[in-house]
C-alpha atoms as a PDB file:
ATOM      1  CA  VAL A   1      73.263  87.822  97.256  1.00  0.00           C
ATOM      2  CA  TRP A   2      69.838  86.772  98.476  1.00  0.00           C
ATOM      3  CA  GLY A   3      65.856  87.543  98.310  1.00  0.00           C
ATOM      4  CA  TRP A   4      63.528  87.928 101.354  1.00  0.00           C
ATOM      5  CA  ARG A   5      59.775  87.623 100.854  1.00  0.00           C
ATOM      6  CA  ALA A   6      57.439  89.637 103.237  1.00  0.00           C
ATOM      7  CA  PRO A   7      53.839  89.609 103.409  1.00  0.00           C
ATOM      8  CA  GLN A   8      53.520  92.145 100.577  1.00  0.00           C
ATOM      9  CA  GLY A   9      57.186  92.310  99.307  1.00  0.00           C
ATOM     10  CA  SER A  10      60.664  91.432  98.860  1.00  0.00           C
ATOM     11  CA  ILE A  11      64.341  92.312  99.238  1.00  0.00           C
ATOM     12  CA  ASP A  12      65.721  92.581  95.798  1.00  0.00           C
ATOM     13  CA  LEU A  13      69.265  92.726  96.486  1.00  0.00           C
ATOM     14  CA  LEU A  14      71.423  92.595  99.509  1.00  0.00           C
ATOM     15  CA  LEU A  15      75.208  93.064  98.588  1.00  0.00           C
ATOM     16  CA  THR A  16      77.924  92.044 101.137  1.00  0.00           C
ATOM     17  CA  MET A  17      80.859  94.235 100.618  1.00  0.00           C
ATOM     18  CA  PRO A  18      84.442  93.410 100.495  1.00  0.00           C
ATOM     19  CA  ASP A  19      84.816  95.578 103.542  1.00  0.00           C
ATOM     20  CA  GLY A  20      81.737  93.860 105.169  1.00  0.00           C
ATOM     21  CA  ARG A  21      79.566  96.654 104.402  1.00  0.00           C
ATOM     22  CA  LEU A  22      75.872  95.452 103.760  1.00  0.00           C
ATOM     23  CA  ILE A  23      73.804  97.160 101.192  1.00  0.00           C
ATOM     24  CA  LEU A  24      70.339  96.988 100.832  1.00  0.00           C
ATOM     25  CA  VAL A  25      69.089  97.874  97.125  1.00  0.00           C
ATOM     26  CA  ASP A  26      65.460  97.938  95.961  1.00  0.00           C
ATOM     27  CA  TYR A  27      64.600  98.340  92.336  1.00  0.00           C
ATOM     28  CA  LYS A  28      61.807 100.534  91.331  1.00  0.00           C
ATOM     29  CA  THR A  29      60.276 101.446  87.931  1.00  0.00           C
ATOM     30  CA  ASP A  30      58.468 104.844  89.120  1.00  0.00           C
ATOM     31  CA  ARG A  31      58.179 107.181  86.132  1.00  0.00           C
ATOM     32  CA  ILE A  32      60.640 110.343  86.703  1.00  0.00           C
ATOM     33  CA  THR A  33      60.335 113.663  85.416  1.00  0.00           C
ATOM     34  CA  ASP A  34      62.673 115.364  83.161  1.00  0.00           C
ATOM     35  CA  GLU A  35      63.357 117.819  86.168  1.00  0.00           C
ATOM     36  CA  GLU A  36      64.451 114.720  88.427  1.00  0.00           C
ATOM     37  CA  ARG A  37      66.458 113.121  85.320  1.00  0.00           C
ATOM     38  CA  ALA A  38      68.622 116.129  85.651  1.00  0.00           C
ATOM     39  CA  THR A  39      68.705 116.363  89.514  1.00  0.00           C
ATOM     40  CA  PRO A  40      68.820 112.748  90.797  1.00  0.00           C
ATOM     41  CA  THR A  41      68.377 114.242  94.012  1.00  0.00           C
ATOM     42  CA  LEU A  42      65.056 115.441  93.791  1.00  0.00           C
ATOM     43  CA  LEU A  43      63.812 112.058  92.670  1.00  0.00           C
ATOM     44  CA  ALA A  44      66.097 110.428  95.416  1.00  0.00           C
ATOM     45  CA  LYS A  45      63.923 112.631  97.890  1.00  0.00           C
ATOM     46  CA  ARG A  46      60.396 111.218  96.254  1.00  0.00           C
ATOM     47  CA  LEU A  47      61.282 107.981  96.120  1.00  0.00           C
ATOM     48  CA  GLY A  48      62.702 108.076  99.753  1.00  0.00           C
ATOM     49  CA  GLU A  49      59.421 109.613 101.027  1.00  0.00           C
ATOM     50  CA  ALA A  50      56.975 107.131  98.486  1.00  0.00           C
ATOM     51  CA  HIS A  51      59.297 103.990  99.290  1.00  0.00           C
ATOM     52  CA  GLY A  52      61.158 104.552 102.701  1.00  0.00           C
ATOM     53  CA  HIS A  53      58.708 102.625 104.955  1.00  0.00           C
ATOM     54  CA  GLN A  54      59.185  99.678 102.717  1.00  0.00           C
ATOM     55  CA  LEU A  55      63.231 100.107 103.165  1.00  0.00           C
ATOM     56  CA  THR A  56      62.686 100.408 106.760  1.00  0.00           C
ATOM     57  CA  CYS A  57      60.623  97.085 106.981  1.00  0.00           C
ATOM     58  CA  TYR A  58      63.225  95.616 104.800  1.00  0.00           C
ATOM     59  CA  ALA A  59      66.187  96.587 107.031  1.00  0.00           C
ATOM     60  CA  GLU A  60      64.539  95.495 110.168  1.00  0.00           C
ATOM     61  CA  ALA A  61      64.320  92.343 108.338  1.00  0.00           C
ATOM     62  CA  VAL A  62      68.030  92.361 107.549  1.00  0.00           C
ATOM     63  CA  ARG A  63      68.574  93.020 111.320  1.00  0.00           C
ATOM     64  CA  ASP A  64      66.519  90.009 112.806  1.00  0.00           C
ATOM     65  CA  MET A  65      68.054  87.680 110.322  1.00  0.00           C
ATOM     66  CA  LEU A  66      71.392  88.865 110.164  1.00  0.00           C
ATOM     67  CA  GLY A  67      71.854  90.856 113.645  1.00  0.00           C
ATOM     68  CA  ARG A  68      72.357  94.035 112.405  1.00  0.00           C
ATOM     69  CA  ALA A  69      70.989  96.321 109.923  1.00  0.00           C
ATOM     70  CA  PRO A  70      72.262  97.503 106.746  1.00  0.00           C
ATOM     71  CA  ASP A  71      74.931 100.143 106.356  1.00  0.00           C
ATOM     72  CA  GLU A  72      73.269 101.687 103.743  1.00  0.00           C
ATOM     73  CA  MET A  73      69.846 101.380 101.487  1.00  0.00           C
ATOM     74  CA  ARG A  74      69.852 102.490  97.958  1.00  0.00           C
ATOM     75  CA  ILE A  75      66.847 102.664  95.436  1.00  0.00           C
ATOM     76  CA  TYR A  76      67.763 101.475  91.914  1.00  0.00           C
ATOM     77  CA  SER A  77      65.666 103.624  89.523  1.00  0.00           C
ATOM     78  CA  LEU A  78      65.288 101.498  86.153  1.00  0.00           C
ATOM     79  CA  PRO A  79      64.391 104.434  84.166  1.00  0.00           C
ATOM     80  CA  LEU A  80      67.201 106.558  85.396  1.00  0.00           C
ATOM     81  CA  GLY A  81      69.656 103.779  85.177  1.00  0.00           C
ATOM     82  CA  ALA A  82      71.264 104.528  88.490  1.00  0.00           C
ATOM     83  CA  SER A  83      71.143 103.807  92.249  1.00  0.00           C
ATOM     84  CA  LEU A  84      70.395 106.435  94.758  1.00  0.00           C
ATOM     85  CA  LYS A  85      71.470 106.380  98.225  1.00  0.00           C
ATOM     86  CA  ILE A  86      68.175 106.772 100.654  1.00  0.00           C
END
């Protein structure tokens, strides 16, 4: 677990799982609608569209530092209280 600071952001969390997988997690406080709360796939789509470029940049930084990209990227929605695979 470590942090990395970019010119306009930082990796919130990079997990190395027991099986060796890397999971990149970014925490977000974006407001969510009742519909998104009831159907998290809608929220995952919106957050992916809004923050996908940022996560891609973080994945490239991980690749540069560790020699491989994360196996999975997730956004943890604080209002939802859950992580969403992006």
